[in-house]
């Protein structure tokens, strides 16, 4: 039996990546917010089973492995970034009050996939609708 290879044909989801940044709040302090970085195609694979996965589901969070093509942009993704499914939400408002209407996912870890660094596997966990 031959192993099934992962290819770009399985990248069916358009996802956006946001990085947390500090911005002036207008009162002399700073306010932390997410700033949009880029969009790319991805494959979303929900995790099933395992004690950690079941515990996450009990508190309303769903972990996924997000597979993206490794390139100069996706290699910048780091723990603490946020992912959005572009087709399942929209930006509401403008300026500092701008927010995403759909579900967002927090990046937990990033590893190279088994396909010799052609793809990255990003572990994300849903944080609910914003």
C-alpha atoms as a PDB file:
ATOM      1  CA  UNK A   1       0.000   0.000   0.000  1.00  0.00           C
ATOM      2  CA  UNK A   2       1.406   3.401  -0.938  1.00  0.00           C
ATOM      3  CA  UNK A   3       1.103   6.391   1.346  1.00  0.00           C
ATOM      4  CA  UNK A   4      -1.312   9.060   0.171  1.00  0.00           C
ATOM      5  CA  UNK A   5       0.549  12.264  -0.601  1.00  0.00           C
ATOM      6  CA  UNK A   6      -0.748  15.684   0.320  1.00  0.00           C
ATOM      7  CA  UNK A   7      -0.843  18.128  -2.579  1.00  0.00           C
ATOM      8  CA  UNK A   8      -1.961  21.660  -3.334  1.00  0.00           C
ATOM      9  CA  UNK A   9      -5.223  20.277  -4.778  1.00  0.00           C
ATOM     10  CA  UNK A  10      -6.501  19.800  -1.226  1.00  0.00           C
ATOM     11  CA  UNK A  11      -6.169  23.475  -0.312  1.00  0.00           C
ATOM     12  CA  UNK A  12      -9.889  24.344  -0.491  1.00  0.00           C
ATOM     13  CA  UNK A  13     -10.224  27.015   2.220  1.00  0.00           C
ATOM     14  CA  UNK A  14      -9.194  30.667   1.966  1.00  0.00           C
ATOM     15  CA  UNK A  15      -7.816  31.767   5.329  1.00  0.00           C
ATOM     16  CA  UNK A  16      -6.499  35.074   6.632  1.00  0.00           C
ATOM     17  CA  UNK A  17      -3.685  35.482   9.143  1.00  0.00           C
ATOM     18  CA  UNK A  18      -3.562  38.283  11.710  1.00  0.00           C
ATOM     19  CA  UNK A  19      -0.732  39.320  14.044  1.00  0.00           C
ATOM     20  CA  UNK A  20      -1.276  40.984  17.426  1.00  0.00           C
ATOM     21  CA  UNK A  21       0.065  44.541  17.508  1.00  0.00           C
ATOM     22  CA  UNK A  22       0.006  47.406  19.977  1.00  0.00           C
ATOM     23  CA  UNK A  23      -1.602  50.681  18.908  1.00  0.00           C
ATOM     24  CA  UNK A  24      -2.124  54.010  20.654  1.00  0.00           C
ATOM     25  CA  UNK A  25      -5.480  54.195  22.423  1.00  0.00           C
ATOM     26  CA  UNK A  26      -5.788  57.979  22.278  1.00  0.00           C
ATOM     27  CA  UNK A  27      -5.376  58.382  26.036  1.00  0.00           C
ATOM     28  CA  UNK A  28      -1.598  58.055  26.260  1.00  0.00           C
ATOM     29  CA  UNK A  29      -1.606  54.262  26.581  1.00  0.00           C
ATOM     30  CA  UNK A  30      -1.599  51.365  24.174  1.00  0.00           C
ATOM     31  CA  UNK A  31      -4.280  48.935  23.111  1.00  0.00           C
ATOM     32  CA  UNK A  32      -3.561  45.498  21.717  1.00  0.00           C
ATOM     33  CA  UNK A  33      -5.376  44.470  18.523  1.00  0.00           C
ATOM     34  CA  UNK A  34      -4.958  42.085  15.614  1.00  0.00           C
ATOM     35  CA  UNK A  35      -3.641  43.477  12.326  1.00  0.00           C
ATOM     36  CA  UNK A  36      -4.357  41.666   9.065  1.00  0.00           C
ATOM     37  CA  UNK A  37      -1.172  40.247   7.484  1.00  0.00           C
ATOM     38  CA  UNK A  38      -2.083  38.107   4.450  1.00  0.00           C
ATOM     39  CA  UNK A  39      -4.460  35.484   2.999  1.00  0.00           C
ATOM     40  CA  UNK A  40      -3.676  32.083   1.507  1.00  0.00           C
ATOM     41  CA  UNK A  41      -5.268  28.754   0.609  1.00  0.00           C
ATOM     42  CA  UNK A  42      -5.316  26.010   3.241  1.00  0.00           C
ATOM     43  CA  UNK A  43      -6.628  22.597   4.169  1.00  0.00           C
ATOM     44  CA  UNK A  44      -8.465  22.341   7.518  1.00  0.00           C
ATOM     45  CA  UNK A  45      -8.394  18.982   9.291  1.00  0.00           C
ATOM     46  CA  UNK A  46     -10.376  18.783  12.560  1.00  0.00           C
ATOM     47  CA  UNK A  47      -8.685  16.794  15.325  1.00  0.00           C
ATOM     48  CA  UNK A  48     -10.671  13.897  16.733  1.00  0.00           C
ATOM     49  CA  UNK A  49     -10.206  11.847  19.888  1.00  0.00           C
ATOM     50  CA  UNK A  50      -7.580  12.177  22.551  1.00  0.00           C
ATOM     51  CA  UNK A  51      -7.994  13.553  26.032  1.00  0.00           C
ATOM     52  CA  UNK A  52      -6.856  17.089  25.145  1.00  0.00           C
ATOM     53  CA  UNK A  53      -9.218  17.303  22.168  1.00  0.00           C
ATOM     54  CA  UNK A  54     -12.181  16.106  24.240  1.00  0.00           C
ATOM     55  CA  UNK A  55     -11.361  18.581  27.010  1.00  0.00           C
ATOM     56  CA  UNK A  56     -11.194  21.430  24.478  1.00  0.00           C
ATOM     57  CA  UNK A  57     -14.599  20.476  23.079  1.00  0.00           C
ATOM     58  CA  UNK A  58     -16.114  20.527  26.557  1.00  0.00           C
ATOM     59  CA  UNK A  59     -15.285  24.242  26.816  1.00  0.00           C
ATOM     60  CA  UNK A  60     -16.516  24.981  23.276  1.00  0.00           C
ATOM     61  CA  UNK A  61     -13.212  24.978  21.395  1.00  0.00           C
ATOM     62  CA  UNK A  62     -12.377  22.878  18.330  1.00  0.00           C
ATOM     63  CA  UNK A  63      -8.724  22.191  17.444  1.00  0.00           C
ATOM     64  CA  UNK A  64      -7.696  21.910  13.772  1.00  0.00           C
ATOM     65  CA  UNK A  65      -4.528  21.164  11.845  1.00  0.00           C
ATOM     66  CA  UNK A  66      -4.285  23.783   9.094  1.00  0.00           C
ATOM     67  CA  UNK A  67      -2.004  22.806   6.229  1.00  0.00           C
ATOM     68  CA  UNK A  68      -0.599  25.650   4.129  1.00  0.00           C
ATOM     69  CA  UNK A  69       2.062  25.817   1.454  1.00  0.00           C
ATOM     70  CA  UNK A  70       5.393  26.845   3.014  1.00  0.00           C
ATOM     71  CA  UNK A  71       6.560  30.166   1.569  1.00  0.00           C
ATOM     72  CA  UNK A  72       8.100  33.418   2.776  1.00  0.00           C
ATOM     73  CA  UNK A  73       4.771  34.670   4.171  1.00  0.00           C
ATOM     74  CA  UNK A  74       3.542  31.510   5.882  1.00  0.00           C
ATOM     75  CA  UNK A  75       6.931  30.955   7.541  1.00  0.00           C
ATOM     76  CA  UNK A  76       6.274  34.200   9.477  1.00  0.00           C
ATOM     77  CA  UNK A  77       3.233  32.681  11.255  1.00  0.00           C
ATOM     78  CA  UNK A  78       3.967  32.359  14.968  1.00  0.00           C
ATOM     79  CA  UNK A  79       2.345  31.317  18.219  1.00  0.00           C
ATOM     80  CA  UNK A  80      -0.159  33.982  19.230  1.00  0.00           C
ATOM     81  CA  UNK A  81      -1.241  34.862  15.691  1.00  0.00           C
ATOM     82  CA  UNK A  82      -4.885  34.457  14.683  1.00  0.00           C
ATOM     83  CA  UNK A  83      -6.443  32.704  11.686  1.00  0.00           C
ATOM     84  CA  UNK A  84      -9.805  33.503  10.051  1.00  0.00           C
ATOM     85  CA  UNK A  85     -11.836  31.629   7.446  1.00  0.00           C
ATOM     86  CA  UNK A  86     -12.268  34.402   4.865  1.00  0.00           C
ATOM     87  CA  UNK A  87     -15.441  32.994   3.299  1.00  0.00           C
ATOM     88  CA  UNK A  88     -17.209  32.671   6.674  1.00  0.00           C
ATOM     89  CA  UNK A  89     -17.124  36.244   7.935  1.00  0.00           C
ATOM     90  CA  UNK A  90     -16.417  39.861   7.132  1.00  0.00           C
ATOM     91  CA  UNK A  91     -14.792  42.917   8.639  1.00  0.00           C
ATOM     92  CA  UNK A  92     -17.202  45.139  10.576  1.00  0.00           C
ATOM     93  CA  UNK A  93     -16.459  48.756  11.436  1.00  0.00           C
ATOM     94  CA  UNK A  94     -13.348  50.773  10.704  1.00  0.00           C
ATOM     95  CA  UNK A  95     -10.213  52.022  12.404  1.00  0.00           C
ATOM     96  CA  UNK A  96      -9.489  50.815  15.938  1.00  0.00           C
ATOM     97  CA  UNK A  97     -13.027  49.418  16.290  1.00  0.00           C
ATOM     98  CA  UNK A  98     -12.718  47.112  13.281  1.00  0.00           C
ATOM     99  CA  UNK A  99     -13.482  43.468  14.080  1.00  0.00           C
ATOM    100  CA  UNK A 100     -14.059  40.132  12.333  1.00  0.00           C
ATOM    101  CA  UNK A 101     -17.657  38.819  12.347  1.00  0.00           C
ATOM    102  CA  UNK A 102     -16.850  35.108  11.950  1.00  0.00           C
ATOM    103  CA  UNK A 103     -15.067  32.472  13.969  1.00  0.00           C
ATOM    104  CA  UNK A 104     -11.386  33.041  14.648  1.00  0.00           C
ATOM    105  CA  UNK A 105      -8.721  30.514  15.582  1.00  0.00           C
ATOM    106  CA  UNK A 106      -5.670  31.027  17.801  1.00  0.00           C
ATOM    107  CA  UNK A 107      -2.352  29.613  16.583  1.00  0.00           C
ATOM    108  CA  UNK A 108      -0.952  27.116  19.099  1.00  0.00           C
ATOM    109  CA  UNK A 109       2.044  25.624  17.231  1.00  0.00           C
ATOM    110  CA  UNK A 110       3.680  25.398  13.799  1.00  0.00           C
ATOM    111  CA  UNK A 111       5.614  22.447  12.343  1.00  0.00           C
ATOM    112  CA  UNK A 112       6.780  21.328   8.917  1.00  0.00           C
ATOM    113  CA  UNK A 113       4.543  18.605   7.487  1.00  0.00           C
ATOM    114  CA  UNK A 114       5.800  15.170   6.452  1.00  0.00           C
ATOM    115  CA  UNK A 115       6.121  16.418   2.843  1.00  0.00           C
ATOM    116  CA  UNK A 116       9.706  17.664   3.211  1.00  0.00           C
ATOM    117  CA  UNK A 117       9.050  21.297   4.101  1.00  0.00           C
ATOM    118  CA  UNK A 118       6.691  21.955   1.169  1.00  0.00           C
ATOM    119  CA  UNK A 119       3.830  22.498   3.605  1.00  0.00           C
ATOM    120  CA  UNK A 120       3.417  23.760   7.160  1.00  0.00           C
ATOM    121  CA  UNK A 121       1.078  22.182   9.713  1.00  0.00           C
ATOM    122  CA  UNK A 122      -0.386  24.849  11.981  1.00  0.00           C
ATOM    123  CA  UNK A 123      -2.277  23.738  15.081  1.00  0.00           C
ATOM    124  CA  UNK A 124      -5.114  26.188  15.749  1.00  0.00           C
ATOM    125  CA  UNK A 125      -7.995  26.239  18.215  1.00  0.00           C
ATOM    126  CA  UNK A 126     -11.295  28.030  17.710  1.00  0.00           C
ATOM    127  CA  UNK A 127     -11.943  30.946  20.047  1.00  0.00           C
ATOM    128  CA  UNK A 128     -15.587  31.472  19.091  1.00  0.00           C
ATOM    129  CA  UNK A 129     -17.419  34.211  17.235  1.00  0.00           C
ATOM    130  CA  UNK A 130     -16.108  37.703  17.908  1.00  0.00           C
END
